[in-house]
């Protein structure tokens, strides 16, 4: 049947699933030292987005290339996030020990908001690093902005994560299979959000560059006009001296 051709939709889907599974295995191995989790995730999403867009025929070589290129920046970001996550964990531990009934609703709401933003930034910052050339400060700003723009999409991913935990617990006998399927669904949905969102960000960057070019051209025109006026004035003064 046509749907089972090597270039048909079913085989294309199975190929994408297989590529994402291989990519996950490589990422897990690179995450073992713990401190390399940031670079490993950055390289993972760099390749995963290409797989989702059907642009990357290979996995291993592009993965380690992205791992090397983004290593320093992703490592710094990961170390910062580890400190932030530790502070958030200490905050929640304090509220649990004290009892939520004894915690101010305003404080609890602020903790929920901060935890949500931190979770969204963790999900988005490494794909952003893998896609754009930004400083660490710019990467955090872009991740926060992206999290606000795609708040409901990322919230849906968080709900999907919670559902995945429920499925894995309920079907504990099939834990490896359940975890693999749920994780691949989460990664695929995240990549779809990133691919769509990054197109808009890239379009904005192009518009900014074009506006800067227009400003530079206008400044050049003004400078050339000023230069011509200066030359004309100089010629007039020289003519007056000759007449004198």
C-alpha atoms as a PDB file:
ATOM      1  CA  UNK A   1       0.000   0.000   0.000  1.00  0.00           C
ATOM      2  CA  UNK A   2       1.107   3.590  -0.665  1.00  0.00           C
ATOM      3  CA  UNK A   3       0.998   4.599   2.978  1.00  0.00           C
ATOM      4  CA  UNK A   4       3.737   2.080   3.792  1.00  0.00           C
ATOM      5  CA  UNK A   5       6.193   3.474   1.234  1.00  0.00           C
ATOM      6  CA  UNK A   6       9.575   4.560   2.556  1.00  0.00           C
ATOM      7  CA  UNK A   7       8.574   8.186   1.935  1.00  0.00           C
ATOM      8  CA  UNK A   8       4.960   7.719   3.092  1.00  0.00           C
ATOM      9  CA  UNK A   9       3.441   9.374   6.194  1.00  0.00           C
ATOM     10  CA  UNK A  10       3.618   6.264   8.409  1.00  0.00           C
ATOM     11  CA  UNK A  11       7.259   5.505   7.655  1.00  0.00           C
ATOM     12  CA  UNK A  12       8.098   9.189   8.028  1.00  0.00           C
ATOM     13  CA  UNK A  13       6.413   9.227  11.447  1.00  0.00           C
ATOM     14  CA  UNK A  14       8.209   6.063  12.561  1.00  0.00           C
ATOM     15  CA  UNK A  15      11.513   7.486  11.341  1.00  0.00           C
ATOM     16  CA  UNK A  16      10.921  10.659  13.367  1.00  0.00           C
ATOM     17  CA  UNK A  17      10.112   8.617  16.483  1.00  0.00           C
ATOM     18  CA  UNK A  18      13.222   6.481  16.032  1.00  0.00           C
ATOM     19  CA  UNK A  19      15.422   9.555  15.559  1.00  0.00           C
ATOM     20  CA  UNK A  20      14.023  11.192  18.704  1.00  0.00           C
ATOM     21  CA  UNK A  21      14.619   7.990  20.695  1.00  0.00           C
ATOM     22  CA  UNK A  22      18.241   7.819  19.546  1.00  0.00           C
ATOM     23  CA  UNK A  23      18.644  11.496  20.329  1.00  0.00           C
ATOM     24  CA  UNK A  24      17.287  10.944  23.852  1.00  0.00           C
ATOM     25  CA  UNK A  25      19.742   8.122  24.495  1.00  0.00           C
ATOM     26  CA  UNK A  26      22.686  10.292  23.429  1.00  0.00           C
ATOM     27  CA  UNK A  27      21.407  13.160  25.592  1.00  0.00           C
ATOM     28  CA  UNK A  28      21.027  10.901  28.647  1.00  0.00           C
ATOM     29  CA  UNK A  29      24.612   9.695  28.285  1.00  0.00           C
ATOM     30  CA  UNK A  30      25.879  13.286  28.016  1.00  0.00           C
ATOM     31  CA  UNK A  31      23.845  14.274  31.108  1.00  0.00           C
ATOM     32  CA  UNK A  32      25.566  11.719  33.377  1.00  0.00           C
ATOM     33  CA  UNK A  33      28.211  14.177  34.714  1.00  0.00           C
ATOM     34  CA  UNK A  34      25.274  16.371  35.946  1.00  0.00           C
ATOM     35  CA  UNK A  35      27.106  19.651  35.224  1.00  0.00           C
ATOM     36  CA  UNK A  36      26.794  18.965  31.490  1.00  0.00           C
ATOM     37  CA  UNK A  37      22.987  18.748  31.564  1.00  0.00           C
ATOM     38  CA  UNK A  38      22.691  22.282  30.166  1.00  0.00           C
ATOM     39  CA  UNK A  39      24.894  21.733  27.090  1.00  0.00           C
ATOM     40  CA  UNK A  40      23.304  18.307  26.564  1.00  0.00           C
ATOM     41  CA  UNK A  41      19.771  19.743  26.542  1.00  0.00           C
ATOM     42  CA  UNK A  42      20.812  22.622  24.303  1.00  0.00           C
ATOM     43  CA  UNK A  43      22.308  20.228  21.751  1.00  0.00           C
ATOM     44  CA  UNK A  44      19.292  17.931  22.053  1.00  0.00           C
ATOM     45  CA  UNK A  45      16.781  20.601  21.105  1.00  0.00           C
ATOM     46  CA  UNK A  46      19.032  21.954  18.365  1.00  0.00           C
ATOM     47  CA  UNK A  47      18.811  18.570  16.635  1.00  0.00           C
ATOM     48  CA  UNK A  48      15.233  17.764  17.725  1.00  0.00           C
ATOM     49  CA  UNK A  49      13.834  20.881  16.040  1.00  0.00           C
ATOM     50  CA  UNK A  50      15.610  19.923  12.831  1.00  0.00           C
ATOM     51  CA  UNK A  51      14.151  16.413  13.075  1.00  0.00           C
ATOM     52  CA  UNK A  52      10.636  17.812  13.546  1.00  0.00           C
ATOM     53  CA  UNK A  53      11.170  20.067  10.517  1.00  0.00           C
ATOM     54  CA  UNK A  54      12.553  17.066   8.594  1.00  0.00           C
ATOM     55  CA  UNK A  55      15.804  18.928   7.938  1.00  0.00           C
ATOM     56  CA  UNK A  56      18.408  16.732   9.655  1.00  0.00           C
ATOM     57  CA  UNK A  57      19.324  13.391   8.027  1.00  0.00           C
ATOM     58  CA  UNK A  58      21.874  12.510  10.726  1.00  0.00           C
ATOM     59  CA  UNK A  59      21.929  12.817  14.520  1.00  0.00           C
ATOM     60  CA  UNK A  60      25.263  12.065  16.165  1.00  0.00           C
ATOM     61  CA  UNK A  61      27.511  14.510  14.323  1.00  0.00           C
ATOM     62  CA  UNK A  62      25.108  17.523  14.504  1.00  0.00           C
ATOM     63  CA  UNK A  63      24.448  16.762  18.176  1.00  0.00           C
ATOM     64  CA  UNK A  64      28.069  16.891  19.268  1.00  0.00           C
ATOM     65  CA  UNK A  65      28.688  19.900  17.038  1.00  0.00           C
ATOM     66  CA  UNK A  66      25.889  21.794  18.814  1.00  0.00           C
ATOM     67  CA  UNK A  67      27.133  20.446  22.157  1.00  0.00           C
ATOM     68  CA  UNK A  68      30.564  21.925  21.519  1.00  0.00           C
ATOM     69  CA  UNK A  69      29.348  25.251  20.116  1.00  0.00           C
ATOM     70  CA  UNK A  70      26.945  26.011  22.981  1.00  0.00           C
ATOM     71  CA  UNK A  71      28.908  24.347  25.792  1.00  0.00           C
ATOM     72  CA  UNK A  72      30.205  27.421  27.643  1.00  0.00           C
ATOM     73  CA  UNK A  73      26.997  29.452  27.531  1.00  0.00           C
ATOM     74  CA  UNK A  74      24.703  26.508  28.294  1.00  0.00           C
ATOM     75  CA  UNK A  75      26.969  25.483  31.194  1.00  0.00           C
ATOM     76  CA  UNK A  76      26.780  28.961  32.766  1.00  0.00           C
ATOM     77  CA  UNK A  77      23.002  29.046  32.322  1.00  0.00           C
ATOM     78  CA  UNK A  78      22.638  25.585  33.856  1.00  0.00           C
ATOM     79  CA  UNK A  79      24.721  26.522  36.917  1.00  0.00           C
ATOM     80  CA  UNK A  80      22.583  29.633  37.444  1.00  0.00           C
ATOM     81  CA  UNK A  81      19.390  27.602  37.111  1.00  0.00           C
ATOM     82  CA  UNK A  82      20.656  25.048  39.626  1.00  0.00           C
ATOM     83  CA  UNK A  83      20.999  27.825  42.200  1.00  0.00           C
ATOM     84  CA  UNK A  84      17.540  29.221  41.352  1.00  0.00           C
ATOM     85  CA  UNK A  85      15.925  25.776  41.553  1.00  0.00           C
ATOM     86  CA  UNK A  86      17.624  25.180  44.913  1.00  0.00           C
ATOM     87  CA  UNK A  87      16.191  28.443  46.265  1.00  0.00           C
ATOM     88  CA  UNK A  88      12.709  27.570  44.970  1.00  0.00           C
ATOM     89  CA  UNK A  89      12.972  24.107  46.538  1.00  0.00           C
ATOM     90  CA  UNK A  90      14.014  25.609  49.895  1.00  0.00           C
ATOM     91  CA  UNK A  91      11.047  27.991  49.721  1.00  0.00           C
ATOM     92  CA  UNK A  92       8.551  25.196  49.082  1.00  0.00           C
ATOM     93  CA  UNK A  93      10.152  23.023  51.786  1.00  0.00           C
ATOM     94  CA  UNK A  94       9.676  25.871  54.256  1.00  0.00           C
ATOM     95  CA  UNK A  95       5.993  26.243  53.312  1.00  0.00           C
ATOM     96  CA  UNK A  96       5.409  22.499  53.602  1.00  0.00           C
ATOM     97  CA  UNK A  97       7.061  22.336  57.031  1.00  0.00           C
ATOM     98  CA  UNK A  98       5.142  25.373  58.261  1.00  0.00           C
ATOM     99  CA  UNK A  99       1.856  24.234  56.745  1.00  0.00           C
ATOM    100  CA  UNK A 100       0.073  25.911  53.866  1.00  0.00           C
ATOM    101  CA  UNK A 101      -2.696  27.072  56.229  1.00  0.00           C
ATOM    102  CA  UNK A 102      -0.130  29.174  58.082  1.00  0.00           C
ATOM    103  CA  UNK A 103       1.261  30.758  54.916  1.00  0.00           C
ATOM    104  CA  UNK A 104      -0.094  34.025  53.568  1.00  0.00           C
ATOM    105  CA  UNK A 105      -2.181  33.547  50.389  1.00  0.00           C
ATOM    106  CA  UNK A 106      -0.235  36.380  48.785  1.00  0.00           C
ATOM    107  CA  UNK A 107       3.070  34.672  49.577  1.00  0.00           C
ATOM    108  CA  UNK A 108       1.754  31.325  48.317  1.00  0.00           C
ATOM    109  CA  UNK A 109       0.511  32.920  45.096  1.00  0.00           C
ATOM    110  CA  UNK A 110       3.885  34.579  44.566  1.00  0.00           C
ATOM    111  CA  UNK A 111       5.656  31.256  45.101  1.00  0.00           C
ATOM    112  CA  UNK A 112       3.390  29.561  42.558  1.00  0.00           C
ATOM    113  CA  UNK A 113       3.992  32.367  40.052  1.00  0.00           C
ATOM    114  CA  UNK A 114       7.785  32.293  40.496  1.00  0.00           C
ATOM    115  CA  UNK A 115       7.856  28.498  40.262  1.00  0.00           C
ATOM    116  CA  UNK A 116       5.803  28.601  37.067  1.00  0.00           C
ATOM    117  CA  UNK A 117       8.064  31.198  35.431  1.00  0.00           C
ATOM    118  CA  UNK A 118      11.206  29.305  36.478  1.00  0.00           C
ATOM    119  CA  UNK A 119       9.758  26.069  35.063  1.00  0.00           C
ATOM    120  CA  UNK A 120       8.911  27.773  31.775  1.00  0.00           C
ATOM    121  CA  UNK A 121      12.369  29.333  31.543  1.00  0.00           C
ATOM    122  CA  UNK A 122      13.987  25.938  32.121  1.00  0.00           C
ATOM    123  CA  UNK A 123      11.901  24.528  29.276  1.00  0.00           C
ATOM    124  CA  UNK A 124      12.642  27.358  26.844  1.00  0.00           C
ATOM    125  CA  UNK A 125      16.107  28.756  27.515  1.00  0.00           C
ATOM    126  CA  UNK A 126      18.157  25.840  26.186  1.00  0.00           C
ATOM    127  CA  UNK A 127      16.314  25.679  22.853  1.00  0.00           C
ATOM    128  CA  UNK A 128      16.770  29.458  22.614  1.00  0.00           C
ATOM    129  CA  UNK A 129      20.510  29.108  23.232  1.00  0.00           C
ATOM    130  CA  UNK A 130      20.707  26.447  20.555  1.00  0.00           C
ATOM    131  CA  UNK A 131      18.930  28.677  18.026  1.00  0.00           C
ATOM    132  CA  UNK A 132      20.156  32.231  18.639  1.00  0.00           C
ATOM    133  CA  UNK A 133      23.487  33.862  19.398  1.00  0.00           C
ATOM    134  CA  UNK A 134      22.740  35.698  22.635  1.00  0.00           C
ATOM    135  CA  UNK A 135      24.524  36.628  25.820  1.00  0.00           C
ATOM    136  CA  UNK A 136      23.508  34.884  29.037  1.00  0.00           C
ATOM    137  CA  UNK A 137      21.518  37.936  30.134  1.00  0.00           C
ATOM    138  CA  UNK A 138      19.780  38.194  26.756  1.00  0.00           C
ATOM    139  CA  UNK A 139      19.015  34.468  26.821  1.00  0.00           C
ATOM    140  CA  UNK A 140      17.192  34.790  30.162  1.00  0.00           C
ATOM    141  CA  UNK A 141      15.278  37.848  28.946  1.00  0.00           C
ATOM    142  CA  UNK A 142      14.275  36.095  25.725  1.00  0.00           C
ATOM    143  CA  UNK A 143      13.221  32.963  27.628  1.00  0.00           C
ATOM    144  CA  UNK A 144      11.063  35.042  29.980  1.00  0.00           C
ATOM    145  CA  UNK A 145       9.480  36.883  27.047  1.00  0.00           C
ATOM    146  CA  UNK A 146       8.901  33.636  25.147  1.00  0.00           C
ATOM    147  CA  UNK A 147       7.331  32.105  28.269  1.00  0.00           C
ATOM    148  CA  UNK A 148       4.853  34.983  28.531  1.00  0.00           C
ATOM    149  CA  UNK A 149       4.001  34.957  24.818  1.00  0.00           C
ATOM    150  CA  UNK A 150       3.401  31.198  24.774  1.00  0.00           C
ATOM    151  CA  UNK A 151       2.145  30.874  28.329  1.00  0.00           C
ATOM    152  CA  UNK A 152      -0.882  28.701  27.530  1.00  0.00           C
ATOM    153  CA  UNK A 153       1.046  26.430  25.183  1.00  0.00           C
ATOM    154  CA  UNK A 154       3.729  25.835  27.799  1.00  0.00           C
ATOM    155  CA  UNK A 155       1.036  25.405  30.454  1.00  0.00           C
ATOM    156  CA  UNK A 156      -0.470  22.668  28.291  1.00  0.00           C
ATOM    157  CA  UNK A 157       2.957  21.001  28.206  1.00  0.00           C
ATOM    158  CA  UNK A 158       3.128  21.148  32.025  1.00  0.00           C
ATOM    159  CA  UNK A 159      -0.324  19.533  32.223  1.00  0.00           C
ATOM    160  CA  UNK A 160       0.872  16.884  29.771  1.00  0.00           C
ATOM    161  CA  UNK A 161       3.873  16.267  32.025  1.00  0.00           C
ATOM    162  CA  UNK A 162       1.572  15.798  35.004  1.00  0.00           C
ATOM    163  CA  UNK A 163      -0.589  13.407  33.009  1.00  0.00           C
ATOM    164  CA  UNK A 164       2.543  11.510  31.974  1.00  0.00           C
ATOM    165  CA  UNK A 165       3.515  11.053  35.625  1.00  0.00           C
ATOM    166  CA  UNK A 166       0.012   9.715  36.317  1.00  0.00           C
ATOM    167  CA  UNK A 167       0.254   7.273  33.390  1.00  0.00           C
ATOM    168  CA  UNK A 168       3.688   6.053  34.461  1.00  0.00           C
ATOM    169  CA  UNK A 169       2.468   5.434  38.023  1.00  0.00           C
ATOM    170  CA  UNK A 170      -0.773   3.790  36.936  1.00  0.00           C
ATOM    171  CA  UNK A 171       0.961   1.499  34.453  1.00  0.00           C
ATOM    172  CA  UNK A 172       4.066   0.873  36.515  1.00  0.00           C
ATOM    173  CA  UNK A 173       4.432  -2.595  34.998  1.00  0.00           C
ATOM    174  CA  UNK A 174       4.946  -0.943  31.617  1.00  0.00           C
ATOM    175  CA  UNK A 175       7.031   1.913  32.984  1.00  0.00           C
ATOM    176  CA  UNK A 176       9.814   1.909  30.308  1.00  0.00           C
ATOM    177  CA  UNK A 177       7.289   1.928  27.464  1.00  0.00           C
ATOM    178  CA  UNK A 178       4.951   4.445  29.132  1.00  0.00           C
ATOM    179  CA  UNK A 179       7.824   6.784  30.015  1.00  0.00           C
ATOM    180  CA  UNK A 180       9.283   6.603  26.490  1.00  0.00           C
ATOM    181  CA  UNK A 181       5.968   7.316  24.770  1.00  0.00           C
ATOM    182  CA  UNK A 182       5.056  10.168  27.116  1.00  0.00           C
ATOM    183  CA  UNK A 183       8.499  11.728  26.925  1.00  0.00           C
ATOM    184  CA  UNK A 184       8.564  11.611  23.123  1.00  0.00           C
ATOM    185  CA  UNK A 185       5.131  13.254  22.987  1.00  0.00           C
ATOM    186  CA  UNK A 186       6.334  16.044  25.296  1.00  0.00           C
ATOM    187  CA  UNK A 187       9.526  16.645  23.299  1.00  0.00           C
ATOM    188  CA  UNK A 188       7.649  16.637  19.993  1.00  0.00           C
ATOM    189  CA  UNK A 189       5.003  19.097  21.233  1.00  0.00           C
ATOM    190  CA  UNK A 190       7.674  21.368  22.699  1.00  0.00           C
ATOM    191  CA  UNK A 191       9.567  21.381  19.409  1.00  0.00           C
ATOM    192  CA  UNK A 192       6.384  22.345  17.552  1.00  0.00           C
ATOM    193  CA  UNK A 193       5.956  25.332  19.882  1.00  0.00           C
ATOM    194  CA  UNK A 194       9.599  26.312  19.479  1.00  0.00           C
ATOM    195  CA  UNK A 195       9.595  26.015  15.697  1.00  0.00           C
ATOM    196  CA  UNK A 196       6.518  28.215  15.427  1.00  0.00           C
ATOM    197  CA  UNK A 197       7.698  30.727  18.009  1.00  0.00           C
ATOM    198  CA  UNK A 198      11.255  31.014  16.707  1.00  0.00           C
ATOM    199  CA  UNK A 199       9.987  31.844  13.228  1.00  0.00           C
ATOM    200  CA  UNK A 200       8.248  34.889  14.672  1.00  0.00           C
ATOM    201  CA  UNK A 201      11.323  35.877  16.695  1.00  0.00           C
ATOM    202  CA  UNK A 202      13.537  35.550  13.635  1.00  0.00           C
ATOM    203  CA  UNK A 203      11.111  37.679  11.639  1.00  0.00           C
ATOM    204  CA  UNK A 204      11.291  40.363  14.335  1.00  0.00           C
ATOM    205  CA  UNK A 205      15.093  40.247  14.287  1.00  0.00           C
ATOM    206  CA  UNK A 206      15.046  40.660  10.495  1.00  0.00           C
ATOM    207  CA  UNK A 207      12.718  43.675  10.798  1.00  0.00           C
ATOM    208  CA  UNK A 208      15.000  45.237  13.411  1.00  0.00           C
ATOM    209  CA  UNK A 209      18.051  44.699  11.187  1.00  0.00           C
ATOM    210  CA  UNK A 210      16.259  46.235   8.216  1.00  0.00           C
ATOM    211  CA  UNK A 211      15.226  49.236  10.303  1.00  0.00           C
ATOM    212  CA  UNK A 212      18.809  49.658  11.490  1.00  0.00           C
ATOM    213  CA  UNK A 213      20.012  49.494   7.900  1.00  0.00           C
ATOM    214  CA  UNK A 214      17.473  52.142   6.913  1.00  0.00           C
ATOM    215  CA  UNK A 215      18.623  54.354   9.772  1.00  0.00           C
ATOM    216  CA  UNK A 216      22.252  53.888   8.722  1.00  0.00           C
ATOM    217  CA  UNK A 217      21.378  54.763   5.129  1.00  0.00           C
ATOM    218  CA  UNK A 218      19.510  57.872   6.265  1.00  0.00           C
ATOM    219  CA  UNK A 219      22.469  58.886   8.412  1.00  0.00           C
ATOM    220  CA  UNK A 220      24.805  58.367   5.457  1.00  0.00           C
ATOM    221  CA  UNK A 221      22.540  60.531   3.293  1.00  0.00           C
ATOM    222  CA  UNK A 222      22.510  63.258   5.948  1.00  0.00           C
ATOM    223  CA  UNK A 223      26.284  63.059   6.292  1.00  0.00           C
ATOM    224  CA  UNK A 224      26.761  63.303   2.519  1.00  0.00           C
ATOM    225  CA  UNK A 225      24.423  66.314   2.391  1.00  0.00           C
ATOM    226  CA  UNK A 226      26.328  67.969   5.223  1.00  0.00           C
ATOM    227  CA  UNK A 227      29.619  67.248   3.488  1.00  0.00           C
ATOM    228  CA  UNK A 228      28.347  68.765   0.248  1.00  0.00           C
ATOM    229  CA  UNK A 229      27.120  71.856   2.104  1.00  0.00           C
ATOM    230  CA  UNK A 230      30.492  72.211   3.836  1.00  0.00           C
ATOM    231  CA  UNK A 231      32.261  71.928   0.475  1.00  0.00           C
ATOM    232  CA  UNK A 232      29.944  74.528  -1.061  1.00  0.00           C
ATOM    233  CA  UNK A 233      30.531  76.927   1.837  1.00  0.00           C
ATOM    234  CA  UNK A 234      34.283  76.398   1.537  1.00  0.00           C
ATOM    235  CA  UNK A 235      34.172  77.136  -2.169  1.00  0.00           C
ATOM    236  CA  UNK A 236      32.125  80.294  -1.539  1.00  0.00           C
ATOM    237  CA  UNK A 237      34.649  81.526   1.033  1.00  0.00           C
ATOM    238  CA  UNK A 238      37.553  80.808  -1.310  1.00  0.00           C
ATOM    239  CA  UNK A 239      35.775  82.726  -4.105  1.00  0.00           C
ATOM    240  CA  UNK A 240      35.215  85.685  -1.767  1.00  0.00           C
ATOM    241  CA  UNK A 241      38.921  85.725  -0.893  1.00  0.00           C
ATOM    242  CA  UNK A 242      39.852  85.739  -4.567  1.00  0.00           C
ATOM    243  CA  UNK A 243      37.491  88.631  -5.219  1.00  0.00           C
ATOM    244  CA  UNK A 244      39.043  90.575  -2.356  1.00  0.00           C
END
